[in-house]
Protein backbone atom coordinates (compact mmCIF):
# COMPACT_ATOMS: atom_id res chain seq x y z
CA UNK A 1 -0.15 -0.06 -0.41
CA UNK A 2 2.82 2.38 0.47
CA UNK A 3 3.65 2.09 -3.02
CA UNK A 4 0.01 2.70 -4.95
CA UNK A 5 -1.37 5.58 -4.96
CA UNK A 6 -4.65 4.63 -4.02
CA UNK A 7 -3.51 3.55 -0.79
CA UNK A 8 -3.69 5.72 2.35
CA UNK A 9 -0.87 7.91 3.31
CA UNK A 10 -0.16 7.80 6.55
CA UNK A 11 1.41 4.47 8.27
CA UNK A 12 -1.06 4.18 10.95
CA UNK A 13 -3.91 4.32 8.27
CA UNK A 14 -2.45 1.62 6.09
CA UNK A 15 -1.98 -0.85 8.87
CA UNK A 16 -5.59 -0.38 9.97
CA UNK A 17 -6.62 -0.68 6.65
CA UNK A 18 -4.53 -4.16 6.58
CA UNK A 19 -6.09 -5.18 9.75
CA UNK A 20 -9.75 -4.59 8.48
CA UNK A 21 -8.92 -6.66 4.73
CA UNK A 22 -7.54 -9.32 6.82
CA UNK A 23 -10.71 -9.74 9.28
CA UNK A 24 -13.16 -8.94 5.85
CA UNK A 25 -11.15 -12.10 4.43
CA UNK A 26 -11.68 -13.92 7.12
CA UNK A 27 -15.23 -13.87 7.56
CA UNK A 28 -15.82 -14.49 3.90
CA UNK A 29 -13.53 -17.35 4.45
CA UNK A 30 -15.79 -18.49 7.03
CA UNK A 31 -18.88 -18.20 5.49
CA UNK A 32 -17.74 -20.16 2.62
CA UNK A 33 -16.90 -23.12 4.57
CA UNK A 34 -20.00 -23.03 6.35
CA UNK A 35 -21.87 -22.93 3.04
CA UNK A 36 -19.70 -26.42 2.32
CA UNK A 37 -17.55 -24.67 -0.55
CA UNK A 38 -14.42 -25.34 1.03
CA UNK A 39 -13.31 -28.61 2.35
CA UNK A 40 -10.60 -30.86 3.08
CA UNK A 41 -8.42 -31.84 0.46
CA UNK A 42 -9.24 -35.42 -0.67
CA UNK A 43 -7.47 -38.07 1.15
CA UNK A 44 -6.60 -36.02 4.34
CA UNK A 45 -9.45 -37.04 6.53
CA UNK A 46 -8.76 -41.03 5.53
CA UNK A 47 -4.87 -40.32 6.27
CA UNK A 48 -6.41 -39.03 10.08
CA UNK A 49 -8.53 -41.78 10.31
CA UNK A 50 -5.50 -44.33 9.64
CA UNK A 51 -3.60 -42.82 12.20
CA UNK A 52 -6.48 -42.61 14.74
CA UNK A 53 -6.72 -46.19 13.78
CA UNK A 54 -3.20 -46.83 14.91
CA UNK A 55 -3.10 -44.31 17.75
CA UNK A 56 -0.79 -41.77 16.24
CA UNK A 57 -0.39 -38.42 17.59
CA UNK A 58 -1.61 -35.75 15.39
CA UNK A 59 -0.96 -32.05 15.85
CA UNK A 60 -1.39 -28.56 13.95
CA UNK A 61 1.21 -26.51 13.52
CA UNK A 62 0.00 -23.36 11.26
CA UNK A 63 0.69 -19.70 10.97
CA UNK A 64 -2.78 -19.36 9.92
CA UNK A 65 -5.08 -17.87 12.34
CA UNK A 66 -7.31 -20.03 14.95
CA UNK A 67 -10.77 -18.59 13.49
CA UNK A 68 -9.99 -19.91 9.96
CA UNK A 69 -8.48 -23.51 11.58
CA UNK A 70 -11.86 -23.28 13.70
CA UNK A 71 -14.00 -22.80 10.94
CA UNK A 72 -12.81 -25.34 8.54
CA UNK A 73 -12.37 -28.14 11.05
CA UNK A 74 -15.27 -27.64 12.82
CA UNK A 75 -17.23 -28.00 9.21
CA UNK A 76 -15.48 -30.91 8.38
CA UNK A 77 -14.45 -32.81 11.43
CA UNK A 78 -17.23 -31.56 13.92
CA UNK A 79 -17.88 -29.73 16.96
CA UNK A 80 -15.38 -31.92 18.43
CA UNK A 81 -12.44 -31.58 16.10
CA UNK A 82 -10.15 -30.37 18.83
CA UNK A 83 -10.46 -33.90 20.47
CA UNK A 84 -8.39 -35.21 17.06
CA UNK A 85 -5.04 -33.25 17.74
CA UNK A 86 -3.07 -33.37 21.07
CA UNK A 87 -1.65 -30.10 20.04
CA UNK A 88 -2.80 -26.91 17.87
CA UNK A 89 -0.84 -23.91 17.59
CA UNK A 90 -1.54 -21.09 15.22
CA UNK A 91 -0.75 -17.93 14.31
CA UNK A 92 -1.89 -15.70 17.49
CA UNK A 93 0.58 -18.11 19.56
CA UNK A 94 3.93 -17.43 17.37
CA UNK A 95 5.75 -14.18 16.66
CA UNK A 96 7.32 -15.38 13.30
CA UNK A 97 5.43 -16.39 10.49
CA UNK A 98 7.00 -19.52 8.52
CA UNK A 99 9.58 -20.04 6.95
CA UNK A 100 10.61 -19.61 10.76
CA UNK A 101 10.32 -22.59 12.53
CA UNK A 102 8.78 -21.25 15.69
CA UNK A 103 5.41 -23.06 14.87
CA UNK A 104 6.69 -26.08 15.06
CA UNK A 105 9.23 -25.73 18.02
CA UNK A 106 6.17 -25.03 20.15
CA UNK A 107 4.36 -27.65 18.54
CA UNK A 108 7.29 -29.87 19.61
CA UNK A 109 7.75 -28.45 22.79
CA UNK A 110 3.95 -28.64 23.84
CA UNK A 111 4.06 -32.35 22.81
CA UNK A 112 6.95 -33.19 24.58
CA UNK A 113 9.22 -34.42 21.86
CA UNK A 114 13.18 -34.23 21.63
CA UNK A 115 15.07 -31.65 19.51
CA UNK A 116 15.74 -33.88 16.49
CA UNK A 117 12.45 -35.49 15.69
CA UNK A 118 13.18 -37.99 12.85
CA UNK A 119 10.00 -40.22 13.77
CA UNK A 120 7.93 -37.22 13.28
CA UNK A 121 6.12 -36.06 10.29
CA UNK A 122 4.96 -32.68 8.86
CA UNK A 123 2.60 -32.36 6.08
CA UNK A 124 3.17 -29.17 4.31
CA UNK A 125 1.86 -27.37 1.04
CA UNK A 126 4.54 -24.47 0.42
CA UNK A 127 8.05 -24.02 0.44
CA UNK A 128 7.92 -21.88 3.29
CA UNK A 129 6.08 -24.85 5.52
CA UNK A 130 8.67 -27.33 4.30
CA UNK A 131 11.20 -25.30 5.42
CA UNK A 132 9.95 -24.31 8.74
CA UNK A 133 9.13 -27.93 9.12
CA UNK A 134 12.32 -29.24 8.25
CA UNK A 135 14.33 -26.95 10.39
CA UNK A 136 13.12 -28.82 13.13
CA UNK A 137 14.39 -32.21 11.89
CA UNK A 138 11.25 -33.41 11.08
CA UNK A 139 10.31 -35.69 7.49
CA UNK A 140 8.35 -33.34 5.21
CA UNK A 141 5.73 -34.70 2.83
CA UNK A 142 4.87 -31.73 0.46
CA UNK A 143 1.24 -32.12 -1.27
CA UNK A 144 1.39 -29.79 -4.48
CA UNK A 145 -1.42 -27.14 -4.25
CA UNK A 146 -3.12 -24.72 -6.54
CA UNK A 147 -0.87 -22.03 -4.49
CA UNK A 148 2.80 -23.39 -5.26
CA UNK A 149 1.92 -25.97 -8.29
CA UNK A 150 5.51 -26.23 -9.14
CA UNK A 151 7.88 -24.35 -6.69
CA UNK A 152 10.98 -25.43 -6.28
CA UNK A 153 10.63 -27.36 -2.46
CA UNK A 154 13.79 -28.98 -0.71
CA UNK A 155 14.42 -31.16 1.17
CA UNK A 156 11.57 -33.25 1.27
CA UNK A 157 10.97 -36.77 2.42
CA UNK A 158 8.22 -37.14 -0.59
CA UNK A 159 6.16 -34.79 -2.83
CA UNK A 160 3.19 -35.42 -4.87
CA UNK A 161 0.14 -34.10 -5.93
CA UNK A 162 -1.99 -34.68 -3.07
CA UNK A 163 -3.09 -37.64 -1.06
CA UNK A 164 -5.83 -38.57 -2.56
CA UNK A 165 -4.02 -39.87 -5.46
CA UNK A 166 -1.30 -42.76 -5.24
CA UNK A 167 0.16 -41.73 -8.71
CA UNK A 168 2.48 -38.73 -9.52
CA UNK A 169 4.57 -39.06 -6.26
CA UNK A 170 8.47 -38.66 -6.06
CA UNK A 171 9.30 -41.53 -4.67
CA UNK A 172 7.02 -43.45 -6.22
CA UNK A 173 4.20 -45.29 -4.05
CA UNK A 174 3.27 -49.07 -5.96
CA UNK A 175 -0.14 -48.09 -7.50
CA UNK A 176 -1.38 -51.59 -6.57
CA UNK A 177 -0.45 -51.73 -3.34
CA UNK A 178 -3.03 -49.51 -1.75
CA UNK A 179 -6.26 -50.52 -1.24
CA UNK A 180 -8.29 -47.29 -1.36
CA UNK A 181 -6.58 -45.22 -4.31
CA UNK A 182 -5.11 -42.97 -1.80
CA UNK A 183 -2.02 -42.13 0.31
CA UNK A 184 -2.29 -44.52 3.44
CA UNK A 185 0.03 -44.22 6.85
CA UNK A 186 1.86 -47.30 5.64
CA UNK A 187 3.05 -44.85 2.71
CA UNK A 188 4.23 -42.64 4.68
CA UNK A 189 5.91 -45.00 6.98
CA UNK A 190 8.10 -46.47 3.61
CA UNK A 191 8.58 -42.74 2.93
CA UNK A 192 10.02 -42.14 6.25
CA UNK A 193 11.96 -45.41 6.74
CA UNK A 194 13.69 -44.93 3.04
CA UNK A 195 14.65 -41.15 3.89
CA UNK A 196 15.79 -42.42 7.31
CA UNK A 197 18.39 -44.93 5.74
CA UNK A 198 19.37 -42.79 2.90
CA UNK A 199 19.89 -40.11 5.54
CA UNK A 200 22.31 -42.45 8.05
């Protein structure tokens, strides 16, 4: 806004306008979620169900707002969505946004995890998110998104089009192995084991 003639001239006015626009954006997002026009990406809920069935601990480490997280997960997982996760760390809980690793450091500490968590996995969709997770020693699985369709992302444990499709992943997954046609918890475990062997 400082560079555009249409924006307010005073810094305080620009800040106020930015806050108002962000709040309005969150209101529109919540409305879209409530109307069923924004949902979890294919395969996400199924992988979370795999984790629940195997007592795999889950957490959310995001620098988006808690309002947006609550809107999406209440609509897709139900009013008791927080019971799915041991820890939820959102943008209001941290000073620095990704790619700074603060959000992952906070989640790791709240989970009581050791500093180098090579047996833990972050699922991200952006280069900055992958960098934040990688900085604290997590395995990183990247699901390409509309916003970052072909941005370079390194280092990663695996990268592909989304959890709802077994094709197009690097490293590849056996398309015949998955019963459901989606990425399963066993695929995640194989990727992590393979990466750990390569790194050692």
